[in-house]
Amino acid sequence: MAFLSDFRLAHSQIRSYPSHSAQLLKEICVDGLDRIDLRILAELVADARASQIELAEKVGLSPTACARRIRHLEEIGVIRGYRVDLEPSALGLVTTVVVTITLEKQSEDYLAAFEAAIARCPDVVSCHLMSGSDDYHLQVIARDIADFERIHKQHLSRMPGVARIHSSFAMREVVRRTIPETALRG
């Protein structure tokens, strides 16, 4: 975030000195993305099923230019893919559990073994290596407490190098975003 605030500070100072390069710098955003790229991304986050024509109209480009920019965003890895956002409860998955894992050791071998094993666990929807007292935070979505008990017994407690497992049950989801909304403002 320091980079972004430094960029905004530089951006406000550049406004005082209009020139071709200053104008170019004003148009460049984080990691070489311009305002049009950010608008395309914001529109895709809102509706990834929008047609090229609809998207082009919303961002003020021709469909060809819009398609070219999207292809470029895909090629450089800004757009990682397109996914369906499923409602877990519609599939009978109504129990969200946040699990913290502490390993016996934090050596590369222990970390690699745990990460390989957790990646194969089909009930884990996210896993993050953490700083602080816990080594990993997982999110598990289960049908109910009995289903989570099965996941715990069959998978989590059998993970290599695990010293401690702590589980907290979510009461309800308050916010879920794929990316902070502020990241797409130009």
N, C-alpha and C. Protein backbone atom coordinates (compact mmCIF):
# COMPACT_ATOMS: atom_id res chain seq x y z
N MET A 1 0.81 -1.20 0.00
CA MET A 1 0.00 0.00 0.00
C MET A 1 0.85 1.27 0.00
N ALA A 2 2.06 1.17 0.54
CA ALA A 2 2.94 2.33 0.55
C ALA A 2 3.20 2.77 -0.88
N PHE A 3 3.38 1.80 -1.80
CA PHE A 3 3.62 2.13 -3.18
C PHE A 3 2.45 2.94 -3.74
N LEU A 4 1.22 2.48 -3.44
CA LEU A 4 0.04 3.16 -3.95
C LEU A 4 -0.07 4.58 -3.41
N SER A 5 0.21 4.77 -2.11
CA SER A 5 0.14 6.12 -1.57
C SER A 5 1.25 7.00 -2.14
N ASP A 6 2.44 6.41 -2.36
CA ASP A 6 3.52 7.17 -3.01
C ASP A 6 3.13 7.54 -4.43
N PHE A 7 2.45 6.60 -5.12
CA PHE A 7 2.00 6.88 -6.47
C PHE A 7 0.99 8.02 -6.47
N ARG A 8 0.04 7.99 -5.52
CA ARG A 8 -0.96 9.06 -5.46
C ARG A 8 -0.30 10.40 -5.16
N LEU A 9 0.69 10.41 -4.27
CA LEU A 9 1.41 11.64 -3.97
C LEU A 9 2.11 12.16 -5.22
N ALA A 10 2.82 11.26 -5.92
CA ALA A 10 3.50 11.65 -7.15
C ALA A 10 2.49 12.11 -8.18
N HIS A 11 1.36 11.41 -8.26
CA HIS A 11 0.31 11.74 -9.21
C HIS A 11 -0.20 13.17 -8.95
N SER A 12 -0.41 13.52 -7.69
CA SER A 12 -0.92 14.87 -7.39
C SER A 12 0.13 15.93 -7.70
N GLN A 13 1.40 15.61 -7.55
CA GLN A 13 2.46 16.56 -7.87
C GLN A 13 2.62 16.72 -9.38
N ILE A 14 2.39 15.66 -10.12
CA ILE A 14 2.53 15.72 -11.57
C ILE A 14 1.48 16.63 -12.18
N ARG A 15 0.28 16.67 -11.61
CA ARG A 15 -0.79 17.51 -12.14
C ARG A 15 -0.38 18.96 -12.30
N SER A 16 0.52 19.42 -11.47
CA SER A 16 0.93 20.82 -11.52
C SER A 16 1.78 21.13 -12.73
N TYR A 17 2.36 20.11 -13.36
CA TYR A 17 3.29 20.31 -14.46
C TYR A 17 2.81 19.59 -15.70
N PRO A 18 1.83 20.14 -16.41
CA PRO A 18 1.29 19.44 -17.57
C PRO A 18 2.33 19.30 -18.68
N SER A 19 2.47 18.11 -19.18
CA SER A 19 3.31 17.82 -20.33
C SER A 19 2.89 16.47 -20.86
N HIS A 20 3.47 16.07 -21.96
CA HIS A 20 3.11 14.77 -22.53
C HIS A 20 3.48 13.65 -21.57
N SER A 21 4.68 13.66 -20.99
CA SER A 21 5.07 12.59 -20.07
C SER A 21 4.26 12.63 -18.79
N ALA A 22 3.92 13.80 -18.30
CA ALA A 22 3.11 13.88 -17.09
C ALA A 22 1.73 13.29 -17.35
N GLN A 23 1.16 13.59 -18.51
CA GLN A 23 -0.14 13.03 -18.86
C GLN A 23 -0.05 11.51 -18.96
N LEU A 24 1.02 11.02 -19.55
CA LEU A 24 1.21 9.58 -19.67
C LEU A 24 1.30 8.94 -18.28
N LEU A 25 2.05 9.56 -17.38
CA LEU A 25 2.18 9.03 -16.02
C LEU A 25 0.84 9.03 -15.30
N LYS A 26 0.01 10.06 -15.54
CA LYS A 26 -1.31 10.09 -14.90
C LYS A 26 -2.16 8.92 -15.35
N GLU A 27 -1.98 8.49 -16.60
CA GLU A 27 -2.81 7.41 -17.15
C GLU A 27 -2.34 6.03 -16.69
N ILE A 28 -1.09 5.92 -16.25
CA ILE A 28 -0.56 4.62 -15.83
C ILE A 28 -0.95 4.37 -14.39
N CYS A 29 -1.46 3.17 -14.12
CA CYS A 29 -1.83 2.78 -12.77
C CYS A 29 -0.92 1.66 -12.30
N VAL A 30 -1.30 0.97 -11.28
CA VAL A 30 -0.51 -0.09 -10.68
C VAL A 30 -0.10 -1.12 -11.72
N ASP A 31 1.17 -1.52 -11.70
CA ASP A 31 1.72 -2.57 -12.56
C ASP A 31 1.44 -2.35 -14.04
N GLY A 32 1.43 -1.12 -14.48
CA GLY A 32 1.27 -0.85 -15.90
C GLY A 32 -0.15 -0.92 -16.41
N LEU A 33 -1.12 -1.06 -15.54
CA LEU A 33 -2.52 -1.08 -15.96
C LEU A 33 -3.04 0.34 -16.01
N ASP A 34 -3.73 0.69 -17.09
CA ASP A 34 -4.30 2.03 -17.16
C ASP A 34 -5.75 2.01 -16.68
N ARG A 35 -6.37 3.16 -16.72
CA ARG A 35 -7.74 3.27 -16.21
C ARG A 35 -8.73 2.40 -16.99
N ILE A 36 -8.50 2.27 -18.28
CA ILE A 36 -9.40 1.44 -19.09
C ILE A 36 -9.26 -0.02 -18.68
N ASP A 37 -8.02 -0.49 -18.45
CA ASP A 37 -7.82 -1.86 -17.97
C ASP A 37 -8.57 -2.08 -16.66
N LEU A 38 -8.46 -1.12 -15.74
CA LEU A 38 -9.13 -1.24 -14.45
C LEU A 38 -10.64 -1.26 -14.61
N ARG A 39 -11.16 -0.47 -15.55
CA ARG A 39 -12.61 -0.48 -15.80
C ARG A 39 -13.05 -1.82 -16.38
N ILE A 40 -12.24 -2.38 -17.29
CA ILE A 40 -12.55 -3.70 -17.85
C ILE A 40 -12.58 -4.73 -16.73
N LEU A 41 -11.58 -4.70 -15.86
CA LEU A 41 -11.52 -5.66 -14.75
C LEU A 41 -12.71 -5.50 -13.82
N ALA A 42 -13.07 -4.26 -13.50
CA ALA A 42 -14.22 -4.02 -12.62
C ALA A 42 -15.50 -4.56 -13.25
N GLU A 43 -15.67 -4.36 -14.54
CA GLU A 43 -16.87 -4.86 -15.23
C GLU A 43 -16.87 -6.39 -15.26
N LEU A 44 -15.71 -7.00 -15.47
CA LEU A 44 -15.65 -8.46 -15.48
C LEU A 44 -15.90 -9.06 -14.10
N VAL A 45 -15.42 -8.37 -13.05
CA VAL A 45 -15.70 -8.84 -11.70
C VAL A 45 -17.19 -8.77 -11.43
N ALA A 46 -17.84 -7.72 -11.89
CA ALA A 46 -19.28 -7.56 -11.69
C ALA A 46 -20.08 -8.56 -12.52
N ASP A 47 -19.62 -8.84 -13.75
CA ASP A 47 -20.35 -9.76 -14.63
C ASP A 47 -19.38 -10.37 -15.64
N ALA A 48 -18.79 -11.49 -15.30
CA ALA A 48 -17.82 -12.15 -16.18
C ALA A 48 -18.48 -12.75 -17.42
N ARG A 49 -19.80 -12.81 -17.43
CA ARG A 49 -20.51 -13.38 -18.58
C ARG A 49 -20.93 -12.31 -19.59
N ALA A 50 -20.59 -11.06 -19.34
CA ALA A 50 -20.95 -10.00 -20.28
C ALA A 50 -20.28 -10.28 -21.63
N SER A 51 -21.00 -10.00 -22.70
CA SER A 51 -20.44 -10.21 -24.04
C SER A 51 -19.37 -9.16 -24.31
N GLN A 52 -18.53 -9.44 -25.29
CA GLN A 52 -17.49 -8.48 -25.68
C GLN A 52 -18.11 -7.15 -26.09
N ILE A 53 -19.24 -7.21 -26.75
CA ILE A 53 -19.90 -5.99 -27.22
C ILE A 53 -20.42 -5.18 -26.02
N GLU A 54 -21.08 -5.86 -25.06
CA GLU A 54 -21.57 -5.16 -23.87
C GLU A 54 -20.41 -4.54 -23.08
N LEU A 55 -19.37 -5.32 -22.91
CA LEU A 55 -18.20 -4.86 -22.16
C LEU A 55 -17.55 -3.67 -22.86
N ALA A 56 -17.38 -3.77 -24.16
CA ALA A 56 -16.77 -2.68 -24.93
C ALA A 56 -17.58 -1.39 -24.79
N GLU A 57 -18.91 -1.50 -24.85
CA GLU A 57 -19.76 -0.31 -24.71
C GLU A 57 -19.59 0.32 -23.32
N LYS A 58 -19.51 -0.52 -22.28
CA LYS A 58 -19.40 0.00 -20.92
C LYS A 58 -18.08 0.71 -20.66
N VAL A 59 -17.02 0.28 -21.34
CA VAL A 59 -15.71 0.89 -21.09
C VAL A 59 -15.29 1.87 -22.18
N GLY A 60 -16.13 2.04 -23.20
CA GLY A 60 -15.86 3.04 -24.23
C GLY A 60 -14.81 2.63 -25.25
N LEU A 61 -14.78 1.35 -25.61
CA LEU A 61 -13.85 0.86 -26.63
C LEU A 61 -14.62 0.13 -27.71
N SER A 62 -13.95 -0.12 -28.83
CA SER A 62 -14.53 -0.99 -29.84
C SER A 62 -14.42 -2.42 -29.32
N PRO A 63 -15.28 -3.32 -29.79
CA PRO A 63 -15.19 -4.72 -29.35
C PRO A 63 -13.81 -5.35 -29.62
N THR A 64 -13.20 -4.99 -30.75
CA THR A 64 -11.88 -5.53 -31.08
C THR A 64 -10.82 -5.04 -30.10
N ALA A 65 -10.83 -3.75 -29.81
CA ALA A 65 -9.85 -3.20 -28.87
C ALA A 65 -10.06 -3.77 -27.48
N CYS A 66 -11.31 -3.94 -27.10
CA CYS A 66 -11.63 -4.51 -25.79
C CYS A 66 -11.13 -5.96 -25.71
N ALA A 67 -11.39 -6.73 -26.75
CA ALA A 67 -10.95 -8.13 -26.79
C ALA A 67 -9.42 -8.21 -26.73
N ARG A 68 -8.74 -7.31 -27.40
CA ARG A 68 -7.28 -7.28 -27.38
C ARG A 68 -6.76 -7.00 -25.97
N ARG A 69 -7.38 -6.07 -25.28
CA ARG A 69 -6.96 -5.76 -23.90
C ARG A 69 -7.23 -6.94 -22.97
N ILE A 70 -8.38 -7.58 -23.11
CA ILE A 70 -8.68 -8.74 -22.27
C ILE A 70 -7.67 -9.84 -22.51
N ARG A 71 -7.36 -10.12 -23.77
CA ARG A 71 -6.37 -11.15 -24.10
C ARG A 71 -5.02 -10.80 -23.47
N HIS A 72 -4.63 -9.53 -23.53
CA HIS A 72 -3.37 -9.10 -22.91
C HIS A 72 -3.41 -9.30 -21.39
N LEU A 73 -4.52 -8.94 -20.75
CA LEU A 73 -4.66 -9.13 -19.30
C LEU A 73 -4.59 -10.61 -18.93
N GLU A 74 -5.10 -11.47 -19.80
CA GLU A 74 -5.00 -12.92 -19.57
C GLU A 74 -3.56 -13.39 -19.74
N GLU A 75 -2.90 -12.92 -20.80
CA GLU A 75 -1.52 -13.35 -21.09
C GLU A 75 -0.53 -12.95 -20.00
N ILE A 76 -0.72 -11.77 -19.42
CA ILE A 76 0.23 -11.32 -18.39
C ILE A 76 -0.16 -11.82 -16.99
N GLY A 77 -1.27 -12.56 -16.91
CA GLY A 77 -1.64 -13.20 -15.65
C GLY A 77 -2.48 -12.37 -14.71
N VAL A 78 -2.95 -11.20 -15.14
CA VAL A 78 -3.84 -10.41 -14.29
C VAL A 78 -5.18 -11.12 -14.18
N ILE A 79 -5.70 -11.60 -15.30
CA ILE A 79 -6.90 -12.44 -15.29
C ILE A 79 -6.41 -13.88 -15.26
N ARG A 80 -6.68 -14.56 -14.15
CA ARG A 80 -6.21 -15.94 -13.98
C ARG A 80 -7.18 -16.96 -14.54
N GLY A 81 -8.42 -16.58 -14.74
CA GLY A 81 -9.41 -17.51 -15.25
C GLY A 81 -10.80 -16.99 -14.99
N TYR A 82 -11.78 -17.78 -15.37
CA TYR A 82 -13.19 -17.43 -15.20
C TYR A 82 -13.83 -18.58 -14.45
N ARG A 83 -14.56 -18.25 -13.39
CA ARG A 83 -15.14 -19.28 -12.55
C ARG A 83 -16.62 -18.99 -12.28
N VAL A 84 -17.31 -20.04 -11.91
CA VAL A 84 -18.69 -19.90 -11.49
C VAL A 84 -18.69 -19.71 -9.98
N ASP A 85 -19.45 -18.76 -9.49
CA ASP A 85 -19.57 -18.50 -8.05
C ASP A 85 -20.80 -19.26 -7.55
N LEU A 86 -20.55 -20.42 -6.94
CA LEU A 86 -21.64 -21.27 -6.48
C LEU A 86 -22.09 -20.91 -5.07
N GLU A 87 -23.34 -21.09 -4.80
CA GLU A 87 -23.88 -20.90 -3.45
C GLU A 87 -23.74 -22.22 -2.71
N PRO A 88 -22.84 -22.30 -1.70
CA PRO A 88 -22.61 -23.56 -1.00
C PRO A 88 -23.87 -24.17 -0.39
N SER A 89 -24.75 -23.34 0.17
CA SER A 89 -25.95 -23.89 0.82
C SER A 89 -26.88 -24.58 -0.19
N ALA A 90 -26.85 -24.14 -1.44
CA ALA A 90 -27.66 -24.81 -2.47
C ALA A 90 -27.17 -26.22 -2.74
N LEU A 91 -25.93 -26.50 -2.35
CA LEU A 91 -25.34 -27.84 -2.51
C LEU A 91 -25.30 -28.59 -1.19
N GLY A 92 -25.99 -28.04 -0.19
CA GLY A 92 -26.04 -28.69 1.12
C GLY A 92 -24.84 -28.42 2.00
N LEU A 93 -23.99 -27.50 1.61
CA LEU A 93 -22.80 -27.15 2.39
C LEU A 93 -23.10 -25.89 3.21
N VAL A 94 -23.46 -26.08 4.48
CA VAL A 94 -23.93 -24.96 5.29
C VAL A 94 -23.02 -24.64 6.47
N THR A 95 -21.93 -25.39 6.62
CA THR A 95 -21.04 -25.19 7.77
C THR A 95 -19.67 -24.75 7.28
N THR A 96 -19.31 -23.51 7.59
CA THR A 96 -17.99 -22.99 7.25
C THR A 96 -17.13 -23.03 8.49
N VAL A 97 -15.94 -23.60 8.34
CA VAL A 97 -15.03 -23.76 9.47
C VAL A 97 -13.69 -23.14 9.12
N VAL A 98 -13.20 -22.27 10.01
CA VAL A 98 -11.86 -21.71 9.87
C VAL A 98 -10.97 -22.54 10.79
N VAL A 99 -9.95 -23.15 10.20
CA VAL A 99 -9.07 -24.06 10.92
C VAL A 99 -7.67 -23.47 10.94
N THR A 100 -7.08 -23.40 12.14
CA THR A 100 -5.68 -22.99 12.23
C THR A 100 -4.85 -24.22 12.53
N ILE A 101 -3.72 -24.29 11.86
CA ILE A 101 -2.81 -25.44 11.99
C ILE A 101 -1.45 -24.93 12.45
N THR A 102 -0.90 -25.61 13.44
CA THR A 102 0.47 -25.35 13.87
C THR A 102 1.27 -26.62 13.61
N LEU A 103 2.39 -26.48 12.94
CA LEU A 103 3.23 -27.63 12.64
C LEU A 103 4.23 -27.88 13.76
N GLU A 104 4.76 -29.10 13.81
CA GLU A 104 5.78 -29.45 14.80
C GLU A 104 7.05 -28.64 14.59
N LYS A 105 7.41 -28.43 13.31
CA LYS A 105 8.60 -27.66 12.94
C LYS A 105 8.24 -26.80 11.72
N GLN A 106 9.03 -25.77 11.51
CA GLN A 106 8.80 -24.92 10.34
C GLN A 106 9.92 -25.07 9.31
N SER A 107 10.46 -26.25 9.19
CA SER A 107 11.51 -26.48 8.20
C SER A 107 10.88 -26.58 6.82
N GLU A 108 11.69 -26.42 5.80
CA GLU A 108 11.19 -26.50 4.42
C GLU A 108 10.55 -27.86 4.16
N ASP A 109 11.13 -28.93 4.71
CA ASP A 109 10.57 -30.27 4.50
C ASP A 109 9.17 -30.39 5.10
N TYR A 110 8.98 -29.87 6.32
CA TYR A 110 7.68 -29.94 6.97
C TYR A 110 6.65 -29.10 6.20
N LEU A 111 7.05 -27.89 5.83
CA LEU A 111 6.14 -27.02 5.09
C LEU A 111 5.73 -27.66 3.76
N ALA A 112 6.72 -28.18 3.02
CA ALA A 112 6.44 -28.78 1.71
C ALA A 112 5.54 -30.01 1.85
N ALA A 113 5.81 -30.85 2.84
CA ALA A 113 5.00 -32.06 3.03
C ALA A 113 3.56 -31.70 3.39
N PHE A 114 3.40 -30.72 4.29
CA PHE A 114 2.04 -30.31 4.67
C PHE A 114 1.31 -29.71 3.47
N GLU A 115 1.97 -28.82 2.75
CA GLU A 115 1.32 -28.14 1.62
C GLU A 115 0.92 -29.12 0.52
N ALA A 116 1.75 -30.11 0.26
CA ALA A 116 1.40 -31.13 -0.75
C ALA A 116 0.18 -31.93 -0.29
N ALA A 117 0.14 -32.29 0.99
CA ALA A 117 -0.98 -33.07 1.52
C ALA A 117 -2.27 -32.26 1.55
N ILE A 118 -2.19 -31.00 1.97
CA ILE A 118 -3.41 -30.19 2.09
C ILE A 118 -3.98 -29.86 0.71
N ALA A 119 -3.12 -29.75 -0.29
CA ALA A 119 -3.58 -29.48 -1.66
C ALA A 119 -4.41 -30.66 -2.19
N ARG A 120 -4.18 -31.85 -1.67
CA ARG A 120 -4.94 -33.03 -2.10
C ARG A 120 -6.23 -33.21 -1.30
N CYS A 121 -6.45 -32.42 -0.27
CA CYS A 121 -7.64 -32.56 0.57
C CYS A 121 -8.82 -31.86 -0.13
N PRO A 122 -9.81 -32.60 -0.59
CA PRO A 122 -10.88 -32.01 -1.40
C PRO A 122 -11.85 -31.11 -0.64
N ASP A 123 -11.85 -31.17 0.68
CA ASP A 123 -12.80 -30.37 1.46
C ASP A 123 -12.26 -29.00 1.85
N VAL A 124 -10.97 -28.76 1.63
CA VAL A 124 -10.36 -27.47 1.96
C VAL A 124 -10.54 -26.54 0.76
N VAL A 125 -11.17 -25.38 0.99
CA VAL A 125 -11.39 -24.45 -0.12
C VAL A 125 -10.33 -23.37 -0.19
N SER A 126 -9.60 -23.12 0.92
CA SER A 126 -8.46 -22.21 0.86
C SER A 126 -7.48 -22.55 1.98
N CYS A 127 -6.23 -22.25 1.73
CA CYS A 127 -5.17 -22.50 2.71
C CYS A 127 -4.13 -21.41 2.55
N HIS A 128 -3.75 -20.78 3.66
CA HIS A 128 -2.77 -19.70 3.64
C HIS A 128 -1.67 -19.98 4.65
N LEU A 129 -0.42 -19.85 4.22
CA LEU A 129 0.71 -19.87 5.13
C LEU A 129 0.72 -18.53 5.84
N MET A 130 0.82 -18.56 7.16
CA MET A 130 0.66 -17.34 7.96
C MET A 130 1.95 -16.96 8.68
N SER A 131 2.03 -15.68 9.03
CA SER A 131 3.03 -15.25 10.00
C SER A 131 2.33 -15.31 11.36
N GLY A 132 3.09 -15.22 12.43
CA GLY A 132 2.47 -15.22 13.75
C GLY A 132 2.50 -16.60 14.39
N SER A 133 1.60 -16.83 15.33
CA SER A 133 1.65 -18.05 16.14
C SER A 133 1.14 -19.29 15.41
N ASP A 134 0.26 -19.14 14.44
CA ASP A 134 -0.25 -20.29 13.69
C ASP A 134 0.49 -20.35 12.35
N ASP A 135 0.70 -21.56 11.87
CA ASP A 135 1.40 -21.71 10.60
C ASP A 135 0.48 -21.59 9.39
N TYR A 136 -0.73 -22.14 9.50
CA TYR A 136 -1.67 -22.13 8.38
C TYR A 136 -3.08 -21.80 8.86
N HIS A 137 -3.81 -21.08 8.00
CA HIS A 137 -5.25 -20.88 8.18
C HIS A 137 -5.93 -21.55 7.00
N LEU A 138 -6.90 -22.41 7.30
CA LEU A 138 -7.65 -23.10 6.26
C LEU A 138 -9.11 -22.68 6.33
N GLN A 139 -9.78 -22.77 5.22
CA GLN A 139 -11.24 -22.65 5.23
C GLN A 139 -11.79 -23.95 4.69
N VAL A 140 -12.69 -24.54 5.45
CA VAL A 140 -13.33 -25.80 5.09
C VAL A 140 -14.83 -25.54 5.04
N ILE A 141 -15.50 -26.06 4.03
CA ILE A 141 -16.95 -25.97 3.96
C ILE A 141 -17.50 -27.38 4.02
N ALA A 142 -18.38 -27.63 4.99
CA ALA A 142 -18.92 -28.97 5.22
C ALA A 142 -20.45 -28.93 5.24
N ARG A 143 -21.06 -30.11 5.19
CA ARG A 143 -22.53 -30.20 5.23
C ARG A 143 -23.06 -29.85 6.62
N ASP A 144 -22.36 -30.30 7.65
CA ASP A 144 -22.78 -30.06 9.03
C ASP A 144 -21.61 -30.41 9.95
N ILE A 145 -21.83 -30.39 11.26
CA ILE A 145 -20.76 -30.68 12.20
C ILE A 145 -20.28 -32.12 12.06
N ALA A 146 -21.19 -33.05 11.83
CA ALA A 146 -20.79 -34.45 11.65
C ALA A 146 -19.89 -34.61 10.41
N ASP A 147 -20.21 -33.88 9.35
CA ASP A 147 -19.38 -33.93 8.15
C ASP A 147 -18.00 -33.34 8.44
N PHE A 148 -17.95 -32.24 9.20
CA PHE A 148 -16.65 -31.68 9.56
C PHE A 148 -15.86 -32.66 10.42
N GLU A 149 -16.53 -33.38 11.30
CA GLU A 149 -15.84 -34.39 12.11
C GLU A 149 -15.18 -35.43 11.20
N ARG A 150 -15.89 -35.85 10.16
CA ARG A 150 -15.32 -36.78 9.18
C ARG A 150 -14.08 -36.20 8.52
N ILE A 151 -14.17 -34.93 8.09
CA ILE A 151 -13.04 -34.24 7.44
C ILE A 151 -11.86 -34.18 8.41
N HIS A 152 -12.15 -33.84 9.65
CA HIS A 152 -11.11 -33.74 10.68
C HIS A 152 -10.42 -35.09 10.88
N LYS A 153 -11.22 -36.15 11.04
CA LYS A 153 -10.66 -37.49 11.30
C LYS A 153 -9.92 -38.07 10.09
N GLN A 154 -10.53 -37.93 8.91
CA GLN A 154 -9.97 -38.57 7.73
C GLN A 154 -8.86 -37.78 7.07
N HIS A 155 -8.87 -36.48 7.25
CA HIS A 155 -7.91 -35.66 6.51
C HIS A 155 -7.02 -34.80 7.42
N LEU A 156 -7.63 -33.87 8.13
CA LEU A 156 -6.84 -32.86 8.85
C LEU A 156 -5.92 -33.48 9.91
N SER A 157 -6.43 -34.40 10.70
CA SER A 157 -5.62 -34.98 11.77
C SER A 157 -4.53 -35.92 11.23
N ARG A 158 -4.62 -36.27 9.96
CA ARG A 158 -3.61 -37.15 9.35
C ARG A 158 -2.57 -36.39 8.53
N MET A 159 -2.67 -35.08 8.51
CA MET A 159 -1.70 -34.28 7.77
C MET A 159 -0.32 -34.43 8.39
N PRO A 160 0.73 -34.50 7.55
CA PRO A 160 2.08 -34.68 8.08
C PRO A 160 2.57 -33.46 8.86
N GLY A 161 3.21 -33.71 10.00
CA GLY A 161 3.87 -32.66 10.78
C GLY A 161 2.96 -31.78 11.61
N VAL A 162 1.69 -32.12 11.73
CA VAL A 162 0.76 -31.27 12.47
C VAL A 162 0.92 -31.49 13.97
N ALA A 163 1.12 -30.38 14.69
CA ALA A 163 1.23 -30.43 16.15
C ALA A 163 -0.08 -30.04 16.81
N ARG A 164 -0.83 -29.07 16.19
CA ARG A 164 -2.05 -28.57 16.81
C ARG A 164 -3.03 -28.16 15.74
N ILE A 165 -4.31 -28.46 15.99
CA ILE A 165 -5.41 -28.05 15.11
C ILE A 165 -6.43 -27.32 15.98
N HIS A 166 -6.84 -26.14 15.52
CA HIS A 166 -7.88 -25.39 16.23
C HIS A 166 -8.96 -25.04 15.20
N SER A 167 -10.21 -25.33 15.51
CA SER A 167 -11.32 -25.09 14.58
C SER A 167 -12.30 -24.09 15.17
N SER A 168 -12.73 -23.16 14.35
CA SER A 168 -13.75 -22.18 14.72
C SER A 168 -14.85 -22.23 13.67
N PHE A 169 -16.10 -22.30 14.13
CA PHE A 169 -17.23 -22.39 13.22
C PHE A 169 -17.80 -21.00 12.95
N ALA A 170 -17.93 -20.67 11.68
CA ALA A 170 -18.48 -19.38 11.29
C ALA A 170 -19.99 -19.39 11.53
N MET A 171 -20.48 -18.28 12.08
CA MET A 171 -21.92 -18.17 12.31
C MET A 171 -22.64 -17.73 11.03
N ARG A 172 -22.02 -16.81 10.29
CA ARG A 172 -22.55 -16.39 9.00
C ARG A 172 -21.47 -15.63 8.25
N GLU A 173 -21.59 -15.58 6.95
CA GLU A 173 -20.68 -14.81 6.11
C GLU A 173 -21.17 -13.38 6.04
N VAL A 174 -20.28 -12.45 6.28
CA VAL A 174 -20.65 -11.04 6.26
C VAL A 174 -20.24 -10.39 4.95
N VAL A 175 -19.02 -10.64 4.49
CA VAL A 175 -18.50 -10.06 3.25
C VAL A 175 -17.68 -11.13 2.53
N ARG A 176 -17.84 -11.19 1.22
CA ARG A 176 -16.97 -12.05 0.40
C ARG A 176 -16.71 -11.33 -0.91
N ARG A 177 -15.46 -11.10 -1.18
CA ARG A 177 -15.05 -10.47 -2.44
C ARG A 177 -13.89 -11.27 -3.00
N THR A 178 -13.73 -11.22 -4.31
CA THR A 178 -12.57 -11.87 -4.90
C THR A 178 -11.35 -10.98 -4.85
N ILE A 179 -11.58 -9.67 -4.80
CA ILE A 179 -10.51 -8.69 -4.76
C ILE A 179 -11.06 -7.41 -4.11
N PRO A 180 -10.24 -6.66 -3.39
CA PRO A 180 -10.76 -5.42 -2.80
C PRO A 180 -11.28 -4.46 -3.88
N GLU A 181 -12.42 -3.88 -3.66
CA GLU A 181 -13.00 -2.96 -4.64
C GLU A 181 -12.08 -1.79 -4.93
N THR A 182 -11.31 -1.36 -3.96
CA THR A 182 -10.41 -0.23 -4.15
C THR A 182 -9.29 -0.53 -5.15
N ALA A 183 -8.98 -1.81 -5.36
CA ALA A 183 -7.92 -2.18 -6.30
C ALA A 183 -8.29 -1.87 -7.74
N LEU A 184 -9.58 -1.71 -8.03
CA LEU A 184 -10.03 -1.49 -9.40
C LEU A 184 -10.47 -0.07 -9.67
N ARG A 185 -10.16 0.82 -8.76
CA ARG A 185 -10.49 2.24 -8.99
C ARG A 185 -9.29 2.93 -9.60
N GLY A 186 -9.55 3.67 -10.67
CA GLY A 186 -8.45 4.31 -11.38
C GLY A 186 -8.16 5.69 -11.01
